Amino acid sequence: MKYSVPALLLALTLASGCSLLQVKSKKSAPVELPPAAAVEAEFHDRWVAQRAHELLGAGTAKTEDEAKAMAAAEFAKQYPFIRLRAAKSNS
């Protein structure tokens, strides 16, 4: 009788899925930007692309790379509060 209670508790513990011997896998989650940072990065990309297109159309910039550099500088001056992360999704 004195072995039946611990044996019953052990059986319930193992049967309920609360095993102490269970090994959890430690998969690292893929690195993603927080939602706000993703929105900022998308806004930056769309704004720079639109402004580069405008600069090329107006003849202010001669090449696409020059237009993108000018647009990125204008973006940084106009929106200094937006801090872009190093790992942008579309760059």
Protein backbone atom coordinates (compact mmCIF):
# COMPACT_ATOMS: atom_id res chain seq x y z
CA MET A 1 0.00 0.00 0.00
CA LYS A 2 2.78 2.44 0.74
CA TYR A 3 4.20 2.07 -2.83
CA SER A 4 0.89 2.50 -4.59
CA VAL A 5 0.55 6.29 -3.97
CA PRO A 6 3.98 7.27 -5.36
CA ALA A 7 3.55 4.85 -8.25
CA LEU A 8 0.14 6.37 -9.00
CA LEU A 9 1.57 9.90 -8.91
CA LEU A 10 4.42 8.87 -11.19
CA ALA A 11 2.03 7.25 -13.64
CA LEU A 12 -0.21 10.34 -13.71
CA THR A 13 2.74 12.64 -14.25
CA LEU A 14 4.10 10.61 -17.15
CA ALA A 15 0.69 10.04 -18.72
CA SER A 16 -0.37 13.68 -18.62
CA GLY A 17 2.50 14.92 -20.77
CA CYS A 18 4.24 16.77 -17.96
CA SER A 19 7.34 14.69 -18.18
CA LEU A 20 10.52 16.04 -16.70
CA LEU A 21 12.49 14.21 -19.35
CA GLN A 22 10.91 16.11 -22.23
CA VAL A 23 13.46 17.95 -24.35
CA LYS A 24 12.32 21.13 -26.02
CA SER A 25 13.91 22.05 -29.29
CA LYS A 26 15.60 25.42 -29.34
CA LYS A 27 14.95 26.61 -32.87
CA SER A 28 15.93 30.19 -33.43
CA ALA A 29 13.16 32.25 -34.93
CA PRO A 30 13.91 33.98 -38.21
CA VAL A 31 15.05 37.55 -37.74
CA GLU A 32 12.27 39.87 -38.73
CA LEU A 33 11.84 43.57 -38.37
CA PRO A 34 9.28 44.84 -35.89
CA PRO A 35 6.11 46.02 -37.66
CA ALA A 36 6.90 49.72 -37.20
CA ALA A 37 10.43 49.32 -38.57
CA ALA A 38 9.11 47.37 -41.54
CA VAL A 39 6.65 50.17 -42.32
CA GLU A 40 9.41 52.77 -42.05
CA ALA A 41 11.69 50.78 -44.34
CA GLU A 42 8.91 50.34 -46.90
CA PHE A 43 8.08 54.05 -46.75
CA HIS A 44 11.75 54.91 -47.26
CA ASP A 45 12.06 52.61 -50.26
CA ARG A 46 8.89 53.91 -51.93
CA TRP A 47 9.74 57.56 -51.21
CA VAL A 48 13.30 57.28 -52.55
CA ALA A 49 12.11 55.44 -55.68
CA GLN A 50 9.44 58.07 -56.39
CA ARG A 51 11.80 61.00 -55.77
CA ALA A 52 14.55 59.42 -57.89
CA HIS A 53 12.04 59.06 -60.72
CA GLU A 54 11.09 62.75 -60.35
CA LEU A 55 14.75 63.84 -60.34
CA LEU A 56 15.46 61.83 -63.50
CA GLY A 57 12.36 63.24 -65.20
CA ALA A 58 13.30 66.82 -64.36
CA GLY A 59 16.84 66.33 -65.62
CA THR A 60 18.38 67.18 -62.25
CA ALA A 61 20.18 63.83 -62.07
CA LYS A 62 21.97 62.21 -64.99
CA THR A 63 22.04 58.60 -63.80
CA GLU A 64 19.74 56.44 -61.73
CA ASP A 65 22.41 55.92 -59.05
CA GLU A 66 22.95 59.66 -58.76
CA ALA A 67 19.20 60.22 -58.49
CA LYS A 68 18.88 57.58 -55.74
CA ALA A 69 21.77 59.14 -53.81
CA MET A 70 20.20 62.59 -54.07
CA ALA A 71 16.80 61.22 -53.04
CA ALA A 72 18.28 59.38 -50.05
CA ALA A 73 20.01 62.57 -48.91
CA GLU A 74 16.75 64.52 -49.25
CA PHE A 75 14.90 61.82 -47.30
CA ALA A 76 17.43 61.93 -44.46
CA LYS A 77 17.12 65.72 -44.29
CA GLN A 78 13.30 65.78 -44.51
CA TYR A 79 12.64 62.81 -42.17
CA PRO A 80 15.46 62.80 -39.57
CA PHE A 81 13.27 61.01 -37.00
CA ILE A 82 13.08 57.82 -39.09
CA ARG A 83 15.93 55.51 -38.14
CA LEU A 84 16.36 52.76 -40.70
CA ARG A 85 17.59 49.37 -39.51
CA ALA A 86 20.63 47.78 -41.11
CA ALA A 87 18.66 44.68 -42.15
CA LYS A 88 16.00 46.06 -44.42
CA SER A 89 13.73 43.55 -46.09
CA ASN A 90 13.84 44.88 -49.66
CA SER A 91 17.45 46.02 -49.98
